[in-house]
Amino acid sequence: MPAATPANTAAICTVLSAPRAQTFISATGGDIARAMALYSWNARIAAALMVPFHFAEIATRNAVSDALTATYGPRWPWDGNFERSLPGPGGPSYNPRRDLTRARSKEHTTGKVIAELKFAFWQSMFTARHDVRVWDHQILTLFPSRTSHTARELRGRIYTDLDSIRKLRNRVAHHEPIFSRNLTADLTRLLELVELRCADTAAWLRAMEEVSTLLPQRP
């Protein structure tokens, strides 16, 4: 995705909205040409991040599904014991049990339910409440490219990584500025999460992702 120089910065700032444009103008000390270059770079690197996001989410949710299948059977979305293992209503604004019941009310196969569940659902599966039933005896096998983590250390690391990835993904999805983040660390986190699951998949991702090419191009 090539960079481009805008012909009419005033018109573009109007289309983007004054408050949005001002975020980038302030970041470049009032230099509107640099602000437009920074906006372009921010948009291009946000788009490039979608490839690592794709692999990180698919790798993670399929690992969770494998763990749940081994614990609750291939129809785990409809298993009562699994449903009861999730937090009940009345908790935080996001509720994984509610998300599960919504997804399975619309779909009739496990694969389709997996595609419907929110990213936050997969993150919620890496909380301590699932250690004994799901992770203590499976996570080191499902994420075999680990370093020296114990099962619970690895589960905690994945939860933390997913939390950071989810917040970045939400900013990208809502077209928010991400230029002030440590995107090098974000990319490393995404790549290492995929690598924990499968080193071969991570190597393939490293060969195709464009974020690392765009990082040094920041205006």
Protein backbone atom coordinates (compact mmCIF):
# COMPACT_ATOMS: atom_id res chain seq x y z
CA MET A 1 0.00 0.00 0.00
CA PRO A 2 1.93 3.08 -1.21
CA ALA A 3 2.04 6.46 0.49
CA ALA A 4 0.46 9.40 -1.33
CA THR A 5 0.80 13.17 -1.05
CA PRO A 6 -2.56 14.94 -0.68
CA ALA A 7 -3.33 17.76 -3.11
CA ASN A 8 -5.77 19.66 -0.86
CA THR A 9 -5.00 19.26 2.84
CA ALA A 10 -7.73 21.71 3.93
CA ALA A 11 -10.43 19.67 2.19
CA ILE A 12 -9.06 16.44 3.62
CA CYS A 13 -8.97 17.83 7.17
CA THR A 14 -12.64 18.81 6.76
CA VAL A 15 -13.57 15.32 5.63
CA LEU A 16 -11.59 13.69 8.45
CA SER A 17 -13.12 16.18 10.96
CA ALA A 18 -11.27 18.95 12.70
CA PRO A 19 -10.80 17.09 16.03
CA ARG A 20 -9.40 13.99 14.28
CA ALA A 21 -7.06 16.03 12.10
CA GLN A 22 -5.95 18.08 15.09
CA THR A 23 -4.65 14.96 16.85
CA PHE A 24 -2.12 14.50 14.06
CA ILE A 25 -1.41 18.22 13.60
CA SER A 26 -0.60 18.52 17.31
CA ALA A 27 1.64 15.44 17.14
CA THR A 28 3.68 17.07 14.36
CA GLY A 29 4.00 20.49 15.98
CA GLY A 30 1.51 22.14 13.65
CA ASP A 31 3.13 20.96 10.44
CA ILE A 32 0.10 20.04 8.33
CA ALA A 33 2.11 18.31 5.60
CA ARG A 34 3.77 16.07 8.18
CA ALA A 35 0.41 15.56 9.87
CA MET A 36 -1.06 14.24 6.63
CA ALA A 37 1.95 11.97 6.16
CA LEU A 38 1.52 10.69 9.72
CA TYR A 39 -2.19 10.12 9.13
CA SER A 40 -1.43 8.14 5.99
CA TRP A 41 1.19 6.06 7.78
CA ASN A 42 -1.17 5.42 10.71
CA ALA A 43 -3.88 4.19 8.32
CA ARG A 44 -1.48 1.98 6.35
CA ILE A 45 0.09 0.34 9.38
CA ALA A 46 -3.35 -0.21 10.91
CA ALA A 47 -4.37 -2.05 7.75
CA ALA A 48 -1.14 -4.07 7.78
CA LEU A 49 -1.81 -5.17 11.36
CA MET A 50 -4.91 -7.02 10.22
CA VAL A 51 -2.76 -9.89 8.92
CA PRO A 52 -1.06 -10.61 12.31
CA PHE A 53 -4.43 -10.05 14.04
CA HIS A 54 -5.96 -12.68 11.76
CA PHE A 55 -3.38 -15.33 12.57
CA ALA A 56 -3.27 -14.56 16.30
CA GLU A 57 -7.03 -14.82 16.69
CA ILE A 58 -7.46 -17.93 14.55
CA ALA A 59 -4.57 -19.72 16.28
CA THR A 60 -5.87 -18.84 19.72
CA ARG A 61 -9.54 -19.63 19.23
CA ASN A 62 -8.77 -22.96 17.57
CA ALA A 63 -6.50 -23.89 20.48
CA VAL A 64 -9.31 -23.04 22.91
CA SER A 65 -11.77 -25.08 20.87
CA ASP A 66 -9.39 -28.06 20.91
CA ALA A 67 -9.08 -27.77 24.69
CA LEU A 68 -12.85 -27.48 25.17
CA THR A 69 -13.49 -30.40 22.83
CA ALA A 70 -11.16 -32.58 24.90
CA THR A 71 -12.90 -31.46 28.10
CA TYR A 72 -16.56 -31.17 27.15
CA GLY A 73 -16.86 -32.93 23.79
CA PRO A 74 -17.19 -31.70 20.19
CA ARG A 75 -20.52 -30.01 20.94
CA TRP A 76 -19.00 -27.97 23.77
CA PRO A 77 -21.02 -24.82 23.02
CA TRP A 78 -24.15 -26.74 24.07
CA ASP A 79 -22.64 -28.55 27.05
CA GLY A 80 -24.35 -27.55 30.30
CA ASN A 81 -21.25 -28.10 32.42
CA PHE A 82 -19.26 -25.78 30.20
CA GLU A 83 -21.97 -23.13 30.25
CA ARG A 84 -22.07 -23.26 34.05
CA SER A 85 -18.28 -22.87 34.19
CA LEU A 86 -18.62 -19.40 32.68
CA PRO A 87 -19.41 -16.29 34.75
CA GLY A 88 -23.12 -15.78 35.22
CA PRO A 89 -25.09 -12.64 34.37
CA GLY A 90 -24.59 -9.55 36.47
CA GLY A 91 -20.82 -9.34 36.15
CA PRO A 92 -18.81 -7.00 33.93
CA SER A 93 -20.27 -5.41 30.80
CA TYR A 94 -18.88 -8.26 28.70
CA ASN A 95 -20.27 -11.62 29.75
CA PRO A 96 -18.91 -14.77 28.05
CA ARG A 97 -21.96 -16.88 29.01
CA ARG A 98 -24.26 -14.37 27.35
CA ASP A 99 -22.00 -14.27 24.30
CA LEU A 100 -22.07 -18.08 24.08
CA THR A 101 -25.86 -18.35 24.32
CA ARG A 102 -26.28 -15.61 21.72
CA ALA A 103 -23.89 -17.31 19.29
CA ARG A 104 -25.39 -20.79 19.63
CA SER A 105 -28.93 -19.44 19.25
CA LYS A 106 -28.02 -18.31 15.73
CA GLU A 107 -25.78 -21.18 14.63
CA HIS A 108 -26.05 -24.97 14.75
CA THR A 109 -22.48 -26.22 14.40
CA THR A 110 -19.47 -25.74 16.65
CA GLY A 111 -17.45 -24.21 13.81
CA LYS A 112 -20.10 -21.57 13.14
CA VAL A 113 -20.37 -20.74 16.85
CA ILE A 114 -16.58 -20.29 17.01
CA ALA A 115 -16.77 -17.73 14.20
CA GLU A 116 -19.56 -15.83 16.00
CA LEU A 117 -17.92 -15.53 19.41
CA LYS A 118 -16.20 -12.25 20.25
CA PHE A 119 -12.47 -11.85 20.72
CA ALA A 120 -13.19 -11.10 24.38
CA PHE A 121 -14.65 -14.60 24.75
CA TRP A 122 -11.36 -16.22 23.79
CA GLN A 123 -9.46 -13.96 26.16
CA SER A 124 -11.89 -14.81 28.98
CA MET A 125 -11.07 -18.49 28.54
CA PHE A 126 -7.53 -17.81 29.82
CA THR A 127 -8.63 -16.80 33.31
CA ALA A 128 -7.76 -18.87 36.39
CA ARG A 129 -11.31 -20.22 36.69
CA HIS A 130 -10.52 -22.65 33.84
CA ASP A 131 -7.15 -23.87 35.13
CA VAL A 132 -8.23 -27.15 36.72
CA ARG A 133 -10.81 -28.26 34.16
CA VAL A 134 -9.16 -27.06 30.96
CA TRP A 135 -5.61 -25.75 31.10
CA ASP A 136 -3.48 -27.43 33.75
CA HIS A 137 -3.22 -30.66 31.77
CA GLN A 138 -3.50 -29.31 28.20
CA ILE A 139 -1.98 -25.89 27.66
CA LEU A 140 1.64 -27.03 27.39
CA THR A 141 0.63 -29.44 24.64
CA LEU A 142 -1.60 -26.99 22.79
CA PHE A 143 1.06 -24.27 22.89
CA PRO A 144 4.17 -26.43 22.43
CA SER A 145 6.58 -23.67 21.36
CA ARG A 146 6.70 -22.29 24.91
CA THR A 147 9.91 -21.36 26.71
CA SER A 148 10.18 -22.21 30.41
CA HIS A 149 6.63 -21.45 31.48
CA THR A 150 4.61 -23.62 33.82
CA ALA A 151 1.03 -24.29 32.70
CA ARG A 152 -0.35 -21.46 34.82
CA GLU A 153 2.40 -19.03 33.90
CA LEU A 154 1.74 -19.69 30.23
CA ARG A 155 -2.00 -19.32 30.65
CA GLY A 156 -1.44 -15.99 32.43
CA ARG A 157 0.95 -14.77 29.76
CA ILE A 158 -1.52 -15.56 27.00
CA TYR A 159 -4.31 -13.76 28.86
CA THR A 160 -2.13 -10.65 29.23
CA ASP A 161 -1.06 -10.75 25.59
CA LEU A 162 -4.65 -11.14 24.42
CA ASP A 163 -5.73 -8.20 26.56
CA SER A 164 -3.17 -5.93 24.90
CA ILE A 165 -3.98 -7.30 21.45
CA ARG A 166 -7.72 -6.83 22.01
CA LYS A 167 -7.28 -3.18 22.97
CA LEU A 168 -5.10 -2.49 19.95
CA ARG A 169 -7.50 -4.37 17.68
CA ASN A 170 -10.41 -2.28 18.98
CA ARG A 171 -8.54 0.95 18.24
CA VAL A 172 -7.78 -0.24 14.72
CA ALA A 173 -11.39 -1.37 14.18
CA HIS A 174 -12.65 2.08 15.23
CA HIS A 175 -10.04 3.90 13.12
CA GLU A 176 -8.41 5.48 16.15
CA PRO A 177 -4.82 6.78 16.15
CA ILE A 178 -2.23 4.17 17.08
CA PHE A 179 0.95 6.07 16.23
CA SER A 180 1.75 6.79 19.89
CA ARG A 181 1.84 3.08 20.79
CA ASN A 182 4.95 0.94 20.86
CA LEU A 183 3.94 -0.86 17.68
CA THR A 184 7.20 -2.78 17.56
CA ALA A 185 6.26 -4.40 20.88
CA ASP A 186 2.71 -4.95 19.64
CA LEU A 187 3.95 -6.76 16.53
CA THR A 188 6.34 -8.86 18.62
CA ARG A 189 3.48 -9.83 20.92
CA LEU A 190 1.33 -10.93 17.98
CA LEU A 191 4.11 -12.92 16.34
CA GLU A 192 5.13 -14.61 19.59
CA LEU A 193 1.54 -15.58 20.38
CA VAL A 194 1.28 -17.36 17.04
CA GLU A 195 4.70 -18.90 17.61
CA LEU A 196 3.61 -20.30 20.99
CA ARG A 197 0.95 -22.23 19.10
CA CYS A 198 3.01 -23.22 16.03
CA ALA A 199 6.52 -22.18 15.01
CA ASP A 200 5.89 -23.06 11.35
CA THR A 201 2.80 -20.85 11.18
CA ALA A 202 4.71 -18.02 12.85
CA ALA A 203 7.52 -18.34 10.31
CA TRP A 204 4.99 -18.11 7.47
CA LEU A 205 3.42 -15.05 9.09
CA ARG A 206 6.81 -13.38 9.54
CA ALA A 207 7.49 -13.87 5.83
CA MET A 208 4.27 -12.16 4.74
CA GLU A 209 3.52 -9.43 7.30
CA GLU A 210 4.25 -5.84 6.23
CA VAL A 211 4.12 -4.10 9.61
CA SER A 212 7.85 -4.47 10.15
CA THR A 213 8.48 -2.82 6.75
CA LEU A 214 6.21 0.13 7.60
CA LEU A 215 7.54 0.74 11.12
CA PRO A 216 10.74 2.54 10.05
CA GLN A 217 8.77 4.62 7.52
CA ARG A 218 6.96 6.62 10.22
CA PRO A 219 7.15 10.33 9.30
